[in-house]
Amino acid sequence: MPASKTQRWKCICAYDGTGFAGWQSQARSNAVQDVIEARLAQIFHAPIRIHGSGRTDSGVHARAQVFHFDAEWRHGVDKLLAAFRVGLPSTIQVKSVRAVRADFHARFDAKAKRYEYHLQRGDADPFTRPYCWTVFRELDFAAMEAAAAVLRGRHDFRAFTALNGQGESQENTDRNLRRLDLVRKGRSIRIVAEAEGFLYKMMRSIVGLLVSVGEGKLSLADVRAILASKERTHRVLTAPPQGLFLVKVFYS
């Protein structure tokens, strides 16, 4: 009897993070990872551990989260994808599955990530409200763009991370924010950011600061001073999670 061959599989999934405690499995919580692993256990009749490209916080969404797992599957990629489709809740979709080399790693091989944050000026409708930050005050869009230009590039972003007491105080907080663009369409503003990696709550902190600038609560001089201080301050707000989407993970 021929020996079985375990294959590494790379998957891209999307999820509505509203009802989940984030991506990463946690004790006594409803995480996206837990739901996918439970479905894989049903498919393969054995525990399967998946490894994601990174964490998303409670309430944060993803259009293209990447994960991998190892398993033997002899029925073709289409049937594996179909098995995901019939067994996952409507809030999670596995969009693609493909076989990859044995040493591929969803997290450690990732070169960069792109996030988008959605703002809505005024009262959003019921279909938009769960996926944006509704801001009722007027926003100075030009001032927000100027602040984004200050943050763009390589800096120490320690002032823009919420350290969670799990050793991250020793983490290197230098990041190259290679893209930070604001796209306005009607009453909506989309903030697009790319970096080789993001610190804990870094993106939501950047958005909170940009909104404070737009509302006139912070000046460009304040932005430069906060960045240079390398210290977290109450002046940097953390934007609510529902407006944030992980939209792409880059690999070489």
Protein backbone atom coordinates (compact mmCIF):
# COMPACT_ATOMS: atom_id res chain seq x y z
CA MET A 1 0.00 0.00 0.00
CA PRO A 2 1.56 3.36 -1.03
CA ALA A 3 2.43 5.77 1.75
CA SER A 4 0.09 8.70 2.19
CA LYS A 5 1.37 12.12 1.18
CA THR A 6 0.60 15.18 3.24
CA GLN A 7 0.22 18.37 1.23
CA ARG A 8 0.43 21.99 2.36
CA TRP A 9 -2.57 24.06 1.31
CA LYS A 10 -2.74 27.85 0.98
CA CYS A 11 -6.20 29.34 1.42
CA ILE A 12 -7.62 32.84 1.06
CA CYS A 13 -10.73 33.63 3.06
CA ALA A 14 -13.05 36.54 3.71
CA TYR A 15 -15.08 37.13 6.83
CA ASP A 16 -17.45 39.53 8.48
CA GLY A 17 -15.78 40.07 11.85
CA THR A 18 -18.85 41.53 13.56
CA GLY A 19 -19.72 38.47 15.60
CA PHE A 20 -16.20 37.15 16.15
CA ALA A 21 -13.55 37.76 18.81
CA GLY A 22 -10.93 38.31 16.11
CA TRP A 23 -9.03 35.88 13.93
CA GLN A 24 -6.79 34.09 16.41
CA SER A 25 -7.98 31.19 18.51
CA GLN A 26 -8.42 32.11 22.17
CA ALA A 27 -9.67 30.31 25.24
CA ARG A 28 -13.44 30.59 25.64
CA SER A 29 -13.93 32.85 22.62
CA ASN A 30 -15.55 32.70 19.21
CA ALA A 31 -12.63 33.26 16.84
CA VAL A 32 -12.63 32.84 13.06
CA GLN A 33 -9.73 30.41 13.31
CA ASP A 34 -11.76 28.17 15.64
CA VAL A 35 -14.68 27.98 13.20
CA ILE A 36 -12.47 27.09 10.23
CA GLU A 37 -10.55 24.49 12.23
CA ALA A 38 -13.81 22.94 13.37
CA ARG A 39 -14.92 22.60 9.75
CA LEU A 40 -11.57 21.10 8.75
CA ALA A 41 -11.90 18.54 11.55
CA GLN A 42 -15.25 17.52 10.03
CA ILE A 43 -13.76 17.26 6.53
CA PHE A 44 -10.66 15.29 7.49
CA HIS A 45 -12.05 13.46 10.55
CA ALA A 46 -9.03 14.64 12.54
CA PRO A 47 -7.83 17.83 14.23
CA ILE A 48 -6.25 20.26 11.75
CA ARG A 49 -4.30 23.33 12.85
CA ILE A 50 -4.26 26.37 10.56
CA HIS A 51 -1.75 29.21 10.52
CA GLY A 52 -2.89 32.68 9.47
CA SER A 53 -0.94 35.56 7.97
CA GLY A 54 -1.62 37.54 11.13
CA ARG A 55 -4.25 38.52 13.66
CA THR A 56 -7.23 40.76 13.22
CA ASP A 57 -8.93 42.19 16.30
CA SER A 58 -12.45 41.58 17.52
CA GLY A 59 -14.93 43.15 15.10
CA VAL A 60 -12.39 43.67 12.29
CA HIS A 61 -13.18 42.23 8.85
CA ALA A 62 -11.12 40.61 6.11
CA ARG A 63 -11.55 40.41 2.36
CA ALA A 64 -8.39 38.33 1.85
CA GLN A 65 -6.97 36.74 4.97
CA VAL A 66 -4.43 34.00 4.12
CA PHE A 67 -3.92 30.78 6.06
CA HIS A 68 -2.27 27.42 5.46
CA PHE A 69 -2.63 23.91 6.79
CA ASP A 70 -1.20 20.45 6.14
CA ALA A 71 -3.37 17.49 5.21
CA GLU A 72 -3.73 14.62 2.79
CA TRP A 73 -6.51 15.20 0.24
CA ARG A 74 -7.03 12.98 -2.81
CA HIS A 75 -10.23 14.39 -4.27
CA GLY A 76 -9.10 17.54 -6.08
CA VAL A 77 -9.00 21.20 -5.14
CA ASP A 78 -12.53 21.92 -6.35
CA LYS A 79 -14.01 19.33 -4.01
CA LEU A 80 -12.02 20.70 -1.07
CA LEU A 81 -13.30 24.19 -1.79
CA ALA A 82 -16.83 22.83 -2.10
CA ALA A 83 -16.46 21.11 1.27
CA PHE A 84 -15.65 24.49 2.82
CA ARG A 85 -18.62 26.16 1.16
CA VAL A 86 -21.23 23.77 2.54
CA GLY A 87 -19.91 23.72 6.09
CA LEU A 88 -19.03 27.29 7.06
CA PRO A 89 -21.37 30.01 8.31
CA SER A 90 -22.43 32.70 5.84
CA THR A 91 -20.09 35.16 7.59
CA ILE A 92 -16.99 33.20 6.49
CA GLN A 93 -16.06 32.35 2.91
CA VAL A 94 -13.01 30.40 1.76
CA LYS A 95 -12.40 32.04 -1.62
CA SER A 96 -9.54 29.91 -2.93
CA VAL A 97 -7.47 26.84 -2.10
CA ARG A 98 -4.28 25.72 -3.78
CA ALA A 99 -1.42 23.35 -3.12
CA VAL A 100 1.88 25.06 -2.28
CA ARG A 101 5.43 24.06 -1.47
CA ALA A 102 6.00 22.32 1.86
CA ASP A 103 7.94 25.23 3.38
CA PHE A 104 5.40 27.96 2.57
CA HIS A 105 4.23 29.83 5.66
CA ALA A 106 1.25 32.20 5.59
CA ARG A 107 2.73 34.45 8.26
CA PHE A 108 6.50 34.29 7.85
CA ASP A 109 6.47 34.47 4.04
CA ALA A 110 4.21 37.52 3.97
CA LYS A 111 6.05 40.58 2.63
CA ALA A 112 3.42 43.26 3.25
CA LYS A 113 -0.24 43.83 4.04
CA ARG A 114 -2.86 46.25 2.85
CA TYR A 115 -5.65 47.51 5.08
CA GLU A 116 -8.59 49.77 4.29
CA TYR A 117 -10.62 51.79 6.74
CA HIS A 118 -14.06 53.18 5.87
CA LEU A 119 -15.35 56.48 7.24
CA GLN A 120 -18.82 57.89 6.63
CA ARG A 121 -19.70 61.54 7.05
CA GLY A 122 -23.11 61.91 8.64
CA ASP A 123 -25.56 59.14 9.43
CA ALA A 124 -24.82 55.99 7.42
CA ASP A 125 -27.70 53.83 6.23
CA PRO A 126 -28.42 50.49 7.96
CA PHE A 127 -26.50 48.56 5.28
CA THR A 128 -23.36 50.67 5.60
CA ARG A 129 -23.33 51.42 9.33
CA PRO A 130 -22.00 48.01 10.48
CA TYR A 131 -18.91 48.43 8.26
CA CYS A 132 -17.78 52.00 8.81
CA TRP A 133 -17.10 54.68 11.40
CA THR A 134 -19.86 57.25 11.26
CA VAL A 135 -18.45 60.73 11.92
CA PHE A 136 -20.96 63.54 12.40
CA ARG A 137 -18.56 66.49 12.63
CA GLU A 138 -17.18 68.21 9.53
CA LEU A 139 -13.81 66.88 8.37
CA ASP A 140 -11.05 68.95 6.76
CA PHE A 141 -10.02 66.52 4.05
CA ALA A 142 -6.96 68.55 2.97
CA ALA A 143 -5.67 68.63 6.56
CA MET A 144 -6.11 64.86 6.83
CA GLU A 145 -4.13 64.36 3.60
CA ALA A 146 -1.35 66.59 4.94
CA ALA A 147 -1.23 64.56 8.16
CA ALA A 148 -1.09 61.33 6.14
CA ALA A 149 1.94 62.71 4.29
CA VAL A 150 3.71 63.22 7.64
CA LEU A 151 3.10 59.60 8.64
CA ARG A 152 3.96 58.07 5.28
CA GLY A 153 7.39 56.43 5.06
CA ARG A 154 9.67 54.75 7.59
CA HIS A 155 9.21 55.85 11.21
CA ASP A 156 9.10 54.53 14.73
CA PHE A 157 5.34 54.05 15.24
CA ARG A 158 5.47 53.27 18.95
CA ALA A 159 3.08 56.18 19.60
CA PHE A 160 0.54 54.43 17.36
CA THR A 161 0.41 51.03 19.00
CA ALA A 162 -1.63 49.88 21.97
CA LEU A 163 0.73 47.52 23.76
CA ASN A 164 -1.22 44.64 25.21
CA GLY A 165 1.17 43.42 27.90
CA GLN A 166 2.26 40.28 26.07
CA GLY A 167 5.88 41.20 25.51
CA GLU A 168 5.27 43.71 22.75
CA SER A 169 6.92 46.47 24.80
CA GLN A 170 10.20 44.95 23.55
CA GLU A 171 9.01 44.73 19.95
CA ASN A 172 10.77 46.71 17.23
CA THR A 173 8.23 49.44 16.41
CA ASP A 174 10.01 50.73 13.30
CA ARG A 175 7.78 50.31 10.23
CA ASN A 176 7.81 51.47 6.63
CA LEU A 177 4.33 52.79 5.92
CA ARG A 178 4.83 52.69 2.18
CA ARG A 179 1.29 53.77 1.38
CA LEU A 180 -1.23 55.90 3.24
CA ASP A 181 -3.84 57.32 0.89
CA LEU A 182 -7.24 58.92 1.44
CA VAL A 183 -9.91 58.41 -1.21
CA ARG A 184 -13.04 60.53 -0.99
CA LYS A 185 -16.30 59.69 -2.73
CA GLY A 186 -19.37 61.67 -1.75
CA ARG A 187 -19.76 61.41 2.04
CA SER A 188 -17.44 58.41 2.34
CA ILE A 189 -13.67 58.40 2.89
CA ARG A 190 -11.58 55.29 2.38
CA ILE A 191 -8.14 55.21 4.04
CA VAL A 192 -5.73 52.76 2.40
CA ALA A 193 -2.49 51.72 4.10
CA GLU A 194 0.29 49.32 3.18
CA ALA A 195 3.31 48.26 5.24
CA GLU A 196 5.53 45.22 5.64
CA GLY A 197 3.78 44.74 8.98
CA PHE A 198 1.44 46.55 11.35
CA LEU A 199 1.74 46.92 15.10
CA TYR A 200 -1.09 46.08 17.48
CA LYS A 201 -3.94 48.52 16.70
CA MET A 202 -1.56 50.65 14.61
CA MET A 203 -3.97 51.11 11.70
CA ARG A 204 -6.90 52.04 13.94
CA SER A 205 -4.67 54.50 15.83
CA ILE A 206 -3.57 56.15 12.58
CA VAL A 207 -7.20 56.51 11.52
CA GLY A 208 -8.14 57.95 14.91
CA LEU A 209 -5.39 60.55 14.61
CA LEU A 210 -6.39 61.48 11.03
CA VAL A 211 -9.99 62.00 12.13
CA SER A 212 -8.83 64.19 15.04
CA VAL A 213 -6.86 66.29 12.55
CA GLY A 214 -9.90 66.49 10.25
CA GLU A 215 -12.04 67.68 13.14
CA GLY A 216 -9.48 70.37 14.03
CA LYS A 217 -8.54 68.80 17.36
CA LEU A 218 -4.92 68.21 16.31
CA SER A 219 -2.58 70.25 14.10
CA LEU A 220 0.21 69.09 11.81
CA ALA A 221 2.67 70.22 14.46
CA ASP A 222 0.85 67.95 16.93
CA VAL A 223 1.11 65.03 14.51
CA ARG A 224 4.87 65.53 14.11
CA ALA A 225 5.33 65.86 17.87
CA ILE A 226 3.30 62.72 18.63
CA LEU A 227 5.24 60.72 16.05
CA ALA A 228 8.59 61.97 17.36
CA SER A 229 7.65 61.32 21.00
CA LYS A 230 7.47 57.54 20.51
CA GLU A 231 5.03 57.45 23.41
CA ARG A 232 1.39 56.46 23.43
CA THR A 233 -0.87 59.34 24.47
CA HIS A 234 -4.59 59.80 25.06
CA ARG A 235 -4.52 62.29 22.17
CA VAL A 236 -4.28 59.37 19.74
CA LEU A 237 -7.74 57.83 19.52
CA THR A 238 -8.29 54.21 18.50
CA ALA A 239 -10.87 54.09 15.73
CA PRO A 240 -13.68 51.55 16.22
CA PRO A 241 -13.05 48.11 14.68
CA GLN A 242 -16.03 47.79 12.35
CA GLY A 243 -14.57 50.12 9.69
CA LEU A 244 -11.34 48.14 9.26
CA PHE A 245 -10.72 45.53 6.55
CA LEU A 246 -7.66 43.41 5.77
CA VAL A 247 -7.79 43.50 1.97
CA LYS A 248 -4.54 41.93 0.73
CA VAL A 249 -1.48 40.02 1.91
CA PHE A 250 1.55 40.31 -0.36
CA TYR A 251 3.96 37.45 -1.05
CA SER A 252 7.03 37.36 -3.29
